[in-house]
Protein backbone atom coordinates (compact mmCIF):
# COMPACT_ATOMS: atom_id res chain seq x y z
CA MET A 1 15.86 22.44 40.19
CA ASN A 2 17.54 24.16 37.82
CA VAL A 3 19.08 22.40 34.65
CA TYR A 4 21.59 23.62 31.93
CA ASP A 5 20.78 27.59 33.74
CA ILE A 6 16.93 27.63 33.68
CA GLU A 7 15.20 26.81 37.18
CA PHE A 8 11.70 25.47 37.25
CA THR A 9 10.29 26.95 40.21
CA ARG A 10 8.08 25.05 42.20
CA PRO A 11 4.56 26.29 42.92
CA ALA A 12 2.95 27.86 45.71
CA ASN A 13 0.56 26.07 48.01
CA ASN A 14 0.73 22.28 46.42
CA PRO A 15 -2.20 23.35 44.20
CA ALA A 16 -5.06 20.38 43.20
CA LEU A 17 -4.59 18.27 39.60
CA MET A 18 -6.90 19.60 36.84
CA SER A 19 -7.60 16.62 36.47
CA HIS A 20 -7.57 12.98 38.42
CA ASP A 21 -8.38 10.89 34.81
CA LYS A 22 -5.18 8.48 35.37
CA ILE A 23 -5.36 8.09 31.87
CA ALA A 24 -5.03 11.28 31.13
CA ILE A 25 -2.46 11.23 34.43
CA ARG A 26 0.24 8.69 32.65
CA ASN A 27 -0.13 9.81 29.33
CA PHE A 28 0.64 13.20 30.46
CA LEU A 29 4.17 12.17 32.52
CA SER A 30 4.76 9.96 29.47
CA ASP A 31 5.08 12.98 26.83
CA VAL A 32 7.31 14.79 29.44
CA HIS A 33 9.52 12.37 29.83
CA TYR A 34 9.65 11.83 26.57
CA LEU A 35 10.19 15.60 25.73
CA LYS A 36 12.69 15.71 28.38
CA THR A 37 15.04 13.66 27.01
CA VAL A 38 14.81 14.75 23.46
CA ASN A 39 15.88 17.76 24.89
CA ILE A 40 18.67 15.67 26.77
CA GLY A 41 19.40 14.53 23.87
CA GLN A 42 19.53 17.91 21.74
CA ILE A 43 21.61 19.82 24.21
CA GLY A 44 24.75 16.67 24.06
CA TRP A 45 24.83 16.65 20.03
CA PHE A 46 24.69 20.74 20.69
CA LYS A 47 27.97 20.71 22.56
CA LYS A 48 29.24 18.39 20.16
CA GLN A 49 28.39 20.99 17.68
CA ARG A 50 29.97 24.10 19.39
CA GLU A 51 32.69 20.63 19.91
CA ARG A 52 33.46 20.67 16.67
CA ALA A 53 33.33 24.68 15.32
CA GLN A 54 36.37 25.57 18.20
CA THR A 55 38.11 22.49 16.91
CA THR A 56 37.47 24.30 12.76
CA MET A 57 38.57 27.75 14.80
CA ASP A 58 41.05 26.51 16.25
CA TYR A 59 43.37 24.98 13.01
CA LEU A 60 41.68 27.70 10.77
CA GLN A 61 43.54 30.41 13.48
CA LYS A 62 47.39 27.89 13.76
CA GLU A 63 47.28 27.48 9.64
CA TYR A 64 45.98 30.70 8.57
CA GLY A 65 47.29 32.86 11.00
CA ILE A 66 42.80 34.25 11.55
CA ASN A 67 42.16 35.73 13.91
């Protein structure tokens, strides 16, 4: 799996879970899903800010001859 230039490597030999507590596993997966969603949102926000910064730089270079 490769997301946003971060590579995740699967562990070898399918290791066993450290807990079989279904509630703990469900809570963990819920937290992971929440963090994934937040990270995707932040990446989108950062991309938008980078585009705004580039637009501002392009304007300044055009209007004021800044290199």
